Amino acid sequence: MAANAWLSKPFLTSLFLGIGGFLYGYDSGIITPSLALKSFLSYFGNPDAALRGSIVSVYQAGAWFGSASVGITSDRFGRRYAIAFGCIWGVIGGALMAGAAHVAMLLIGRIMVGFAVGTITGVAPVFGAEIAKTHERGRITAVNQMMVAWGFFVALWTGVGEGKWNNPNQWRLGFAIQAIPPLFLGLGVLFIGESPRWLLLKGRAEEAENAFRNYHYNGNNDAWCKTEFTVMQVNIAEELNAQGRLSWADLFKTPAFRKRLFVGAFVWAAAMLSGISFVQYYQTAIYQTLNYDQNQQLLISGLYGSVAPVACIASLFFVDRIGRRKILISSSALLSLCYMIITIIAAVYPAVPGKPTNEAAQRGLIACIFAVSANYSALLGPMTWIIPPEVFTTELRAKANAIVQVIHYSISLIITQCSPIALAAVGWKYYILFVLTNALCALIFAFAYPETKGKSLEEIDEIFGDVKIVHEEDFVSKSEEVNMKS
């Protein structure tokens, strides 16, 4: 692919919006090393499994409320202002966590940061999909997963640095850094162009055309810009004519709407049921069961965080070339296999405190955990950002994506709250859950998912059959007929 295609304005804009994904990854990751730091645990009174679960999961609760707000803020005020609104909460929440004097202050800050992440990640992939050309939409929206991985990478290695800084306040550094990405994104997003599709939805056609040309005009493609914008304008008008202004309840009224919602939501459900949240948040607890000390836990978690960025970068090269269904099916099937191996190793070669351990088995188990990260980051993870925004019409997109993110964070909240309790209660048997959930997801992807690769956002409407669309070739032929008659 040509270098200028990679550095297109929509791609660079999406890369900037991906700071929200970076914040998601960083906020998710920084709590992992914090839970391994003795200074953090002792400061907060050595929290038990239930409180540790709450410290992790209130972030998901905040994200739940943030994502629920997106359907209102993004539709009413636009994609840019909705993101800026979320960033305000991220800056305040990061400051509260860094200065936390007690558990309640830590929890409130974590809820606020979660609200910010839920808001930003609910809007950014929609924004990216709406400004992307069809052939690059997968790559542009997959940037969010890459930035999540880099955020997680930075967080885990920040934790490694904290562990080597002999200071009772070492854990505050990582929390303070959280406030930087939302501050940068919140200010910068005000200086980029609005989504042309949102402007058309609001009847601001002239502004929409200017925004479209701002993203796509390269000095030599004036005819293409005029045709593409007109096709987009006609199809959005057709959507509004066919569907009218939709309320939240309308999302559940027709089979086509329900199918869209299922396709958009289930990919996130599958992602959470893949066990990736469990591994990310509680990997140090897993390493502790293998009898590793604090520094070893932090080092291994840092190495784990180095896998995802590489896998995500690799995904950018094939995500628009391979069908979405193939990626989803293969990812879930391989994840099930990884957890099966992890379960067998943990069951056959348990690490018992005070007794010799099988080092080869330990290394094999850790390798499988790393393989889970590589698989998710290259395959299933990018699909969670690509599929939901592309299966909804322009009028539906913000509201529906808000519901999708609410489902995402609801499942994540349950898993993050229950995992430490389950791991303490049943040990390796807990891994069996993810063997089964991933196998089930592979079957659902195989038999219930449509293929959307290579179709424009408007052409995807044809898959669901509730909107009649105008194709570019139809528009061109009709224009030629009119010109011949005149």
Protein backbone atom coordinates (compact mmCIF):
# COMPACT_ATOMS: atom_id res chain seq x y z
CA MET A 1 0.00 0.00 0.00
CA ALA A 2 1.38 3.43 -0.87
CA ALA A 3 2.77 5.55 1.92
CA ASN A 4 0.39 8.43 1.16
CA ALA A 5 -2.58 6.05 1.51
CA TRP A 6 -1.37 5.08 4.97
CA LEU A 7 -0.95 8.73 5.92
CA SER A 8 -4.31 9.91 4.62
CA LYS A 9 -6.04 12.60 6.63
CA PRO A 10 -8.79 10.23 7.88
CA PHE A 11 -6.11 7.80 9.09
CA LEU A 12 -4.13 10.50 10.87
CA THR A 13 -7.33 11.89 12.39
CA SER A 14 -8.28 8.43 13.61
CA LEU A 15 -4.77 7.99 15.00
CA PHE A 16 -5.25 11.19 16.99
CA LEU A 17 -8.71 10.09 18.17
CA GLY A 18 -7.01 6.85 19.18
CA ILE A 19 -5.61 8.73 22.18
CA GLY A 20 -8.96 7.74 23.68
CA GLY A 21 -8.03 4.10 23.04
CA PHE A 22 -4.61 4.78 24.58
CA LEU A 23 -6.38 6.12 27.69
CA TYR A 24 -8.56 3.00 27.80
CA GLY A 25 -5.52 0.74 27.61
CA TYR A 26 -3.51 2.78 30.09
CA ASP A 27 -6.33 3.03 32.63
CA SER A 28 -7.02 -0.69 32.27
CA GLY A 29 -3.34 -1.53 32.60
CA ILE A 30 -2.13 0.72 35.40
CA ILE A 31 -4.29 -0.99 38.01
CA THR A 32 -2.57 -4.33 37.26
CA PRO A 33 0.90 -3.41 38.60
CA SER A 34 -0.71 -1.31 41.34
CA LEU A 35 -2.35 -4.44 42.77
CA ALA A 36 1.10 -6.06 42.90
CA LEU A 37 2.79 -3.16 44.74
CA LYS A 38 3.10 -3.72 48.49
CA SER A 39 3.09 0.04 49.09
CA PHE A 40 -0.31 0.37 47.36
CA LEU A 41 -1.82 -2.60 49.17
CA SER A 42 -0.56 -1.56 52.59
CA TYR A 43 -1.69 2.07 52.10
CA PHE A 44 -5.25 0.90 51.45
CA GLY A 45 -5.29 -1.65 54.28
CA ASN A 46 -4.46 -4.81 52.30
CA PRO A 47 -7.84 -5.08 50.53
CA ASP A 48 -9.42 -8.53 50.33
CA ALA A 49 -10.49 -10.20 47.06
CA ALA A 50 -13.90 -8.51 47.05
CA LEU A 51 -12.46 -5.01 47.56
CA ARG A 52 -9.73 -5.61 44.96
CA GLY A 53 -12.48 -6.63 42.58
CA SER A 54 -14.34 -3.39 43.39
CA ILE A 55 -11.25 -1.24 42.83
CA VAL A 56 -10.95 -2.77 39.37
CA SER A 57 -14.62 -3.01 38.45
CA VAL A 58 -15.86 0.48 39.45
CA TYR A 59 -13.90 1.67 36.43
CA GLN A 60 -16.20 -0.50 34.29
CA ALA A 61 -19.22 0.96 36.10
CA GLY A 62 -18.04 4.47 35.23
CA ALA A 63 -17.47 3.40 31.64
CA TRP A 64 -21.01 1.97 31.61
CA PHE A 65 -22.49 5.38 32.43
CA GLY A 66 -20.12 7.15 30.06
CA SER A 67 -21.06 4.94 27.14
CA ALA A 68 -24.76 5.30 27.98
CA SER A 69 -24.41 9.09 27.66
CA VAL A 70 -22.96 8.88 24.15
CA GLY A 71 -26.32 8.41 22.41
CA ILE A 72 -27.36 11.82 23.74
CA THR A 73 -24.16 13.87 23.62
CA SER A 74 -22.87 12.54 20.29
CA ASP A 75 -26.19 12.97 18.47
CA ARG A 76 -27.04 16.33 19.98
CA PHE A 77 -23.69 18.12 20.12
CA GLY A 78 -21.60 16.28 17.53
CA ARG A 79 -18.77 13.79 17.63
CA ARG A 80 -16.07 16.30 18.59
CA TYR A 81 -17.84 17.92 21.53
CA ALA A 82 -18.92 14.55 22.92
CA ILE A 83 -15.27 13.48 23.02
CA ALA A 84 -14.20 16.77 24.62
CA PHE A 85 -16.93 16.36 27.25
CA GLY A 86 -15.60 12.91 28.17
CA CYS A 87 -12.03 14.19 28.42
CA ILE A 88 -12.97 16.64 31.20
CA TRP A 89 -13.93 13.72 33.43
CA GLY A 90 -10.69 11.92 32.61
CA VAL A 91 -8.50 14.82 33.75
CA ILE A 92 -10.39 15.25 37.03
CA GLY A 93 -10.51 11.49 37.71
CA GLY A 94 -6.78 11.06 37.10
CA ALA A 95 -6.02 13.87 39.54
CA LEU A 96 -8.27 12.35 42.21
CA MET A 97 -6.63 8.94 41.91
CA ALA A 98 -3.13 10.40 42.08
CA GLY A 99 -4.01 12.31 45.25
CA ALA A 100 -6.17 9.59 46.83
CA ALA A 101 -6.06 9.78 50.62
CA HIS A 102 -8.40 6.83 51.17
CA VAL A 103 -10.18 4.06 49.27
CA ALA A 104 -13.34 6.12 48.65
CA MET A 105 -11.33 8.85 46.89
CA LEU A 106 -9.58 6.21 44.78
CA LEU A 107 -12.90 4.64 43.80
CA ILE A 108 -14.50 7.99 42.88
CA GLY A 109 -11.50 8.90 40.72
CA ARG A 110 -11.61 5.51 39.04
CA ILE A 111 -15.33 5.90 38.31
CA MET A 112 -14.69 9.32 36.72
CA VAL A 113 -11.85 8.00 34.56
CA GLY A 114 -14.11 5.12 33.54
CA PHE A 115 -16.84 7.60 32.58
CA ALA A 116 -14.32 9.40 30.38
CA VAL A 117 -13.21 6.19 28.69
CA GLY A 118 -16.79 5.03 28.12
CA THR A 119 -17.66 8.35 26.48
CA ILE A 120 -14.58 8.62 24.30
CA THR A 121 -14.50 5.00 23.14
CA GLY A 122 -18.21 5.20 22.37
CA VAL A 123 -17.66 8.08 19.95
CA ALA A 124 -14.14 7.72 18.49
CA PRO A 125 -14.72 4.53 16.41
CA VAL A 126 -17.99 5.95 15.08
CA PHE A 127 -16.21 9.17 14.12
CA GLY A 128 -13.41 7.22 12.43
CA ALA A 129 -15.80 5.00 10.47
CA GLU A 130 -17.79 8.01 9.28
CA ILE A 131 -14.78 9.80 7.78
CA ALA A 132 -13.08 6.73 6.27
CA LYS A 133 -13.15 5.52 2.68
CA THR A 134 -14.60 2.03 2.23
CA HIS A 135 -11.29 0.31 1.42
CA GLU A 136 -9.53 1.73 4.51
CA ARG A 137 -12.35 1.69 7.07
CA GLY A 138 -11.14 -1.46 8.80
CA ARG A 139 -7.60 -0.14 9.17
CA ILE A 140 -8.77 3.27 10.36
CA THR A 141 -11.10 1.96 13.05
CA ALA A 142 -8.65 -0.80 14.04
CA VAL A 143 -6.22 1.96 15.04
CA ASN A 144 -8.23 2.20 18.26
CA GLN A 145 -7.22 -1.33 19.26
CA MET A 146 -3.58 -0.57 18.45
CA MET A 147 -3.70 2.50 20.69
CA VAL A 148 -5.36 0.46 23.46
CA ALA A 149 -2.42 -1.93 23.24
CA TRP A 150 0.13 0.88 23.41
CA GLY A 151 -1.68 2.35 26.41
CA PHE A 152 -1.57 -1.00 28.17
CA PHE A 153 2.11 -1.37 27.24
CA VAL A 154 3.01 2.04 28.73
CA ALA A 155 0.96 1.31 31.86
CA LEU A 156 2.62 -2.03 32.57
CA TRP A 157 6.15 -0.71 32.08
CA THR A 158 5.26 2.30 34.21
CA GLY A 159 4.39 -0.30 36.85
CA VAL A 160 7.79 -1.93 36.39
CA GLY A 161 9.42 1.48 36.95
CA GLU A 162 7.28 2.12 40.02
CA GLY A 163 8.39 -1.20 41.47
CA LYS A 164 12.03 -0.12 41.22
CA TRP A 165 11.38 3.30 42.75
CA ASN A 166 11.82 2.82 46.48
CA ASN A 167 9.21 5.31 47.64
CA PRO A 168 5.98 4.78 49.63
CA ASN A 169 4.12 6.94 47.09
CA GLN A 170 5.46 5.05 44.08
CA TRP A 171 1.93 4.00 43.03
CA ARG A 172 0.75 7.62 42.64
CA LEU A 173 2.97 8.27 39.60
CA GLY A 174 1.08 5.94 37.30
CA PHE A 175 -2.27 7.39 38.35
CA ALA A 176 -1.06 10.97 37.76
CA ILE A 177 -0.01 10.15 34.19
CA GLN A 178 -3.64 9.21 33.45
CA ALA A 179 -4.64 12.88 33.32
CA ILE A 180 -2.28 13.72 30.42
CA PRO A 181 -3.94 11.88 27.46
CA PRO A 182 -7.48 13.25 28.06
CA LEU A 183 -6.11 16.78 28.48
CA PHE A 184 -4.27 16.54 25.15
CA LEU A 185 -7.18 14.90 23.33
CA GLY A 186 -9.85 17.19 24.80
CA LEU A 187 -8.08 20.31 23.58
CA GLY A 188 -6.93 18.92 20.23
CA VAL A 189 -10.29 17.46 19.15
CA LEU A 190 -11.74 20.98 18.99
CA PHE A 191 -9.39 21.77 16.10
CA ILE A 192 -10.33 18.91 13.75
CA GLY A 193 -13.26 18.75 11.32
CA GLU A 194 -16.66 17.37 12.31
CA SER A 195 -18.10 14.17 10.81
CA PRO A 196 -19.72 14.95 7.43
CA ARG A 197 -22.36 12.28 8.04
CA TRP A 198 -23.39 13.82 11.36
CA LEU A 199 -23.64 17.25 9.70
CA LEU A 200 -25.88 15.78 6.96
CA LEU A 201 -28.01 14.17 9.63
CA LYS A 202 -28.53 17.64 11.09
CA GLY A 203 -29.40 19.15 7.70
CA ARG A 204 -26.18 21.17 7.44
CA ALA A 205 -25.33 20.12 3.88
CA GLU A 206 -22.93 22.92 3.01
CA GLU A 207 -20.86 22.39 6.15
CA ALA A 208 -20.96 18.65 5.52
CA GLU A 209 -19.57 19.01 1.99
CA ASN A 210 -16.79 21.29 3.24
CA ALA A 211 -15.94 18.78 5.95
CA PHE A 212 -15.96 15.90 3.46
CA ARG A 213 -13.63 17.72 1.09
CA ASN A 214 -11.40 18.69 3.99
CA TYR A 215 -10.90 14.99 4.73
CA HIS A 216 -10.70 13.64 1.18
CA TYR A 217 -9.84 16.29 -1.44
CA ASN A 218 -6.24 15.91 -2.62
CA GLY A 219 -6.17 18.50 -5.43
CA ASN A 220 -6.86 15.99 -8.23
CA ASN A 221 -10.10 14.23 -7.27
CA ASP A 222 -12.75 16.92 -7.48
CA ALA A 223 -15.15 14.74 -9.53
CA TRP A 224 -14.77 11.82 -7.13
CA CYS A 225 -15.45 14.07 -4.12
CA LYS A 226 -18.60 15.47 -5.73
CA THR A 227 -19.92 12.02 -6.64
CA GLU A 228 -19.09 10.38 -3.29
CA PHE A 229 -20.56 13.21 -1.28
CA THR A 230 -23.75 13.26 -3.34
CA VAL A 231 -24.18 9.48 -2.98
CA MET A 232 -23.69 9.83 0.77
CA GLN A 233 -26.17 12.72 0.92
CA VAL A 234 -28.81 10.84 -1.09
CA ASN A 235 -28.46 7.68 1.00
CA ILE A 236 -28.68 9.49 4.33
CA ALA A 237 -31.78 11.26 3.06
CA GLU A 238 -33.17 7.83 2.06
CA GLU A 239 -32.39 6.50 5.54
CA LEU A 240 -34.28 9.36 7.14
CA ASN A 241 -37.16 8.94 4.70
CA ALA A 242 -37.37 5.19 5.35
CA GLN A 243 -36.82 5.26 9.09
CA GLY A 244 -37.62 8.77 10.24
CA ARG A 245 -36.20 10.11 13.47
CA LEU A 246 -35.59 7.12 15.69
CA SER A 247 -36.02 6.87 19.44
CA TRP A 248 -34.15 4.45 21.71
CA ALA A 249 -37.15 2.12 21.74
CA ASP A 250 -37.12 1.92 17.93
CA LEU A 251 -33.84 -0.01 18.10
CA PHE A 252 -35.75 -3.07 19.29
CA LYS A 253 -38.94 -2.81 17.22
CA THR A 254 -38.07 -4.47 13.90
CA PRO A 255 -36.18 -7.68 13.03
CA ALA A 256 -33.66 -5.68 10.97
CA PHE A 257 -32.88 -3.33 13.85
CA ARG A 258 -32.58 -6.20 16.30
CA LYS A 259 -30.24 -8.06 13.97
CA ARG A 260 -28.05 -4.97 13.61
CA LEU A 261 -27.93 -4.63 17.38
CA PHE A 262 -27.08 -8.31 17.82
CA VAL A 263 -24.24 -8.17 15.28
CA GLY A 264 -22.84 -4.96 16.78
CA ALA A 265 -23.17 -6.02 20.41
CA PHE A 266 -22.20 -9.67 20.28
CA VAL A 267 -18.69 -9.00 18.97
CA TRP A 268 -18.01 -6.99 22.13
CA ALA A 269 -19.69 -9.63 24.27
CA ALA A 270 -17.42 -12.23 22.67
CA ALA A 271 -14.41 -10.03 23.37
CA MET A 272 -15.22 -9.82 27.07
CA LEU A 273 -16.13 -13.52 27.25
CA SER A 274 -12.77 -14.27 25.62
CA GLY A 275 -11.23 -13.77 29.06
CA ILE A 276 -8.97 -10.92 27.96
CA SER A 277 -10.16 -8.65 30.81
CA PHE A 278 -9.48 -11.39 33.34
CA VAL A 279 -5.96 -11.95 31.99
CA GLN A 280 -5.17 -8.24 31.73
CA TYR A 281 -6.35 -7.24 35.18
CA TYR A 282 -5.41 -10.31 37.20
CA GLN A 283 -2.34 -11.69 35.44
CA THR A 284 -0.17 -10.72 38.43
CA ALA A 285 -2.50 -12.83 40.61
CA ILE A 286 -2.02 -15.70 38.16
CA TYR A 287 1.76 -15.27 38.35
CA GLN A 288 1.49 -15.17 42.14
CA THR A 289 -0.14 -18.62 42.05
CA LEU A 290 3.03 -19.73 40.23
CA ASN A 291 5.08 -18.55 43.23
CA TYR A 292 6.67 -15.50 41.54
CA ASP A 293 7.63 -12.54 43.77
CA GLN A 294 6.55 -8.89 43.24
CA ASN A 295 9.37 -7.87 40.88
CA GLN A 296 8.98 -11.04 38.80
CA GLN A 297 5.23 -10.47 38.53
CA LEU A 298 5.77 -6.88 37.35
CA LEU A 299 8.46 -7.87 34.86
CA ILE A 300 6.38 -10.66 33.32
CA SER A 301 3.35 -8.35 33.12
CA GLY A 302 5.54 -5.76 31.35
CA LEU A 303 6.69 -8.38 28.84
CA TYR A 304 3.04 -9.41 28.39
CA GLY A 305 2.17 -5.80 27.58
CA SER A 306 4.86 -5.74 24.87
CA VAL A 307 3.09 -8.44 22.84
CA ALA A 308 -0.13 -6.56 22.02
CA PRO A 309 1.33 -3.49 20.24
CA VAL A 310 3.28 -5.68 17.83
CA ALA A 311 0.21 -7.84 17.12
CA CYS A 312 -1.98 -4.77 16.59
CA ILE A 313 0.46 -3.19 14.12
CA ALA A 314 0.52 -6.48 12.20
CA SER A 315 -3.29 -6.48 12.02
CA LEU A 316 -3.31 -3.16 10.14
CA PHE A 317 -1.73 -4.92 7.15
CA PHE A 318 -4.45 -7.57 6.71
CA VAL A 319 -7.60 -6.32 8.43
CA ASP A 320 -9.02 -4.89 5.18
CA ARG A 321 -7.93 -7.90 3.10
CA ILE A 322 -9.42 -10.81 5.03
CA GLY A 323 -13.14 -11.24 5.65
CA ARG A 324 -14.47 -10.18 9.05
CA ARG A 325 -16.10 -13.58 9.68
CA LYS A 326 -12.91 -15.53 9.00
CA ILE A 327 -11.02 -13.40 11.50
CA LEU A 328 -13.72 -13.75 14.16
CA ILE A 329 -14.13 -17.51 13.81
CA SER A 330 -10.40 -18.28 13.79
CA SER A 331 -9.72 -15.96 16.73
CA SER A 332 -12.38 -17.44 19.03
CA ALA A 333 -11.43 -21.01 18.10
CA LEU A 334 -7.74 -20.38 18.82
CA LEU A 335 -8.56 -18.61 22.10
CA SER A 336 -10.55 -21.65 23.21
CA LEU A 337 -7.55 -23.85 22.40
CA CYS A 338 -5.19 -21.57 24.35
CA TYR A 339 -7.39 -21.69 27.46
CA MET A 340 -7.68 -25.45 27.14
CA ILE A 341 -3.88 -25.75 27.25
CA ILE A 342 -3.69 -23.28 30.16
CA THR A 343 -6.30 -25.32 32.07
CA ILE A 344 -4.49 -28.61 31.49
CA ILE A 345 -1.09 -27.23 32.53
CA ALA A 346 -2.52 -25.55 35.66
CA ALA A 347 -4.37 -28.75 36.63
CA VAL A 348 -1.55 -31.23 35.99
CA TYR A 349 1.35 -29.09 37.22
CA PRO A 350 -0.01 -26.91 40.08
CA ALA A 351 2.38 -24.53 41.81
CA VAL A 352 2.13 -25.27 45.54
CA PRO A 353 3.81 -22.81 47.96
CA GLY A 354 6.84 -24.36 49.62
CA LYS A 355 7.14 -27.19 47.11
CA PRO A 356 9.28 -27.48 43.95
CA THR A 357 7.61 -26.21 40.78
CA ASN A 358 7.80 -27.48 37.22
CA GLU A 359 9.53 -24.56 35.52
CA ALA A 360 8.85 -25.88 32.02
CA ALA A 361 5.13 -26.05 32.80
CA GLN A 362 5.22 -22.51 34.23
CA ARG A 363 6.88 -21.18 31.09
CA GLY A 364 4.34 -23.03 28.95
CA LEU A 365 1.42 -21.53 30.86
CA ILE A 366 2.89 -18.02 30.57
CA ALA A 367 3.51 -18.57 26.85
CA CYS A 368 -0.18 -19.43 26.42
CA ILE A 369 -1.19 -16.27 28.28
CA PHE A 370 1.03 -14.30 25.90
CA ALA A 371 -0.58 -16.16 22.97
CA VAL A 372 -4.02 -15.06 24.23
CA SER A 373 -2.82 -11.45 24.08
CA ALA A 374 -1.33 -11.81 20.60
CA ASN A 375 -4.46 -13.52 19.25
CA TYR A 376 -6.87 -11.01 20.75
CA SER A 377 -4.80 -7.97 19.74
CA ALA A 378 -4.35 -9.04 16.12
CA LEU A 379 -7.75 -10.64 15.44
CA LEU A 380 -10.76 -10.31 17.74
CA GLY A 381 -9.77 -7.01 19.36
CA PRO A 382 -9.68 -4.92 16.15
CA MET A 383 -13.05 -6.37 15.09
CA THR A 384 -14.69 -4.92 18.20
CA TRP A 385 -13.87 -1.43 16.95
CA ILE A 386 -14.59 -2.13 13.27
CA ILE A 387 -17.92 -3.97 13.22
CA PRO A 388 -20.27 -2.02 15.54
CA PRO A 389 -19.94 1.37 13.79
CA GLU A 390 -20.35 -0.11 10.33
CA VAL A 391 -23.55 -2.15 10.86
CA PHE A 392 -25.78 0.77 11.91
CA THR A 393 -27.34 3.50 9.77
CA THR A 394 -26.25 7.09 10.34
CA GLU A 395 -29.37 7.89 12.36
CA LEU A 396 -28.90 4.76 14.49
CA ARG A 397 -25.13 4.82 14.86
CA ALA A 398 -24.62 6.91 18.01
CA LYS A 399 -27.55 5.47 19.98
CA ALA A 400 -26.84 1.88 18.95
CA ASN A 401 -23.13 2.16 19.63
CA ALA A 402 -23.98 3.51 23.08
CA ILE A 403 -26.02 0.36 23.78
CA VAL A 404 -23.20 -1.80 22.39
CA GLN A 405 -20.71 -0.17 24.76
CA VAL A 406 -23.09 -0.50 27.71
CA ILE A 407 -23.27 -4.25 27.02
CA HIS A 408 -19.49 -4.37 26.65
CA TYR A 409 -18.83 -2.68 29.98
CA SER A 410 -21.60 -4.59 31.76
CA ILE A 411 -20.01 -7.95 30.93
CA SER A 412 -16.56 -6.60 31.70
CA LEU A 413 -17.77 -5.34 35.08
CA ILE A 414 -19.17 -8.76 35.99
CA ILE A 415 -15.98 -10.55 34.97
CA THR A 416 -13.62 -8.12 36.69
CA GLN A 417 -15.66 -8.17 39.91
CA CYS A 418 -16.09 -11.95 40.03
CA SER A 419 -12.71 -13.12 38.72
CA PRO A 420 -10.57 -12.61 41.87
CA ILE A 421 -13.25 -14.29 43.98
CA ALA A 422 -13.60 -17.20 41.54
CA LEU A 423 -9.84 -17.60 41.14
CA ALA A 424 -9.42 -17.74 44.94
CA ALA A 425 -12.32 -20.21 45.29
CA VAL A 426 -11.79 -22.70 42.45
CA GLY A 427 -8.30 -21.95 41.10
CA TRP A 428 -7.52 -23.41 37.68
CA LYS A 429 -11.09 -24.66 37.18
CA TYR A 430 -12.10 -21.04 36.48
CA TYR A 431 -10.20 -21.20 33.17
CA ILE A 432 -12.69 -23.81 31.89
CA LEU A 433 -15.28 -21.01 31.59
CA PHE A 434 -13.24 -19.37 28.84
CA VAL A 435 -12.64 -22.63 27.01
CA LEU A 436 -16.41 -22.95 26.66
CA THR A 437 -17.31 -19.30 25.98
CA ASN A 438 -14.75 -18.95 23.19
CA ALA A 439 -15.88 -22.20 21.55
CA LEU A 440 -19.50 -21.02 21.67
CA CYS A 441 -18.57 -17.64 20.19
CA ALA A 442 -16.75 -19.31 17.28
CA LEU A 443 -19.95 -21.22 16.43
CA ILE A 444 -22.10 -18.08 16.60
CA PHE A 445 -19.71 -16.16 14.35
CA ALA A 446 -19.76 -19.05 11.87
CA PHE A 447 -23.54 -19.39 11.61
CA ALA A 448 -25.04 -16.01 12.54
CA TYR A 449 -22.69 -13.29 11.27
CA PRO A 450 -22.84 -11.48 7.90
CA GLU A 451 -19.75 -10.39 5.97
CA THR A 452 -19.26 -6.60 5.75
CA LYS A 453 -15.75 -6.27 4.33
CA GLY A 454 -15.46 -4.13 1.20
CA LYS A 455 -18.88 -2.45 1.51
CA SER A 456 -19.58 1.22 2.13
CA LEU A 457 -21.49 2.14 5.28
CA GLU A 458 -24.56 2.72 3.14
CA GLU A 459 -24.13 -0.53 1.15
CA ILE A 460 -24.08 -2.49 4.41
CA ASP A 461 -27.71 -1.40 4.85
CA GLU A 462 -28.62 -3.83 2.05
CA ILE A 463 -27.48 -6.77 4.19
CA PHE A 464 -30.21 -6.00 6.69
CA GLY A 465 -32.79 -5.06 4.07
CA ASP A 466 -34.46 -2.14 5.84
CA VAL A 467 -33.10 0.71 3.69
CA LYS A 468 -33.00 0.99 -0.10
CA ILE A 469 -29.70 2.55 -1.08
CA VAL A 470 -28.30 4.28 -4.15
CA HIS A 471 -25.01 2.91 -5.48
CA GLU A 472 -22.35 5.12 -7.01
CA GLU A 473 -22.74 3.44 -10.40
CA ASP A 474 -26.51 4.03 -10.28
CA PHE A 475 -25.98 7.68 -9.50
CA VAL A 476 -23.42 8.08 -12.29
CA SER A 477 -25.67 6.37 -14.87
CA LYS A 478 -28.67 8.49 -13.87
CA SER A 479 -26.58 11.65 -14.13
CA GLU A 480 -25.43 10.62 -17.59
CA GLU A 481 -29.06 10.03 -18.68
CA VAL A 482 -30.05 13.47 -17.47
CA ASN A 483 -27.13 15.07 -19.30
CA MET A 484 -28.01 13.24 -22.55
CA LYS A 485 -31.63 14.40 -22.35
CA SER A 486 -30.60 17.95 -21.70
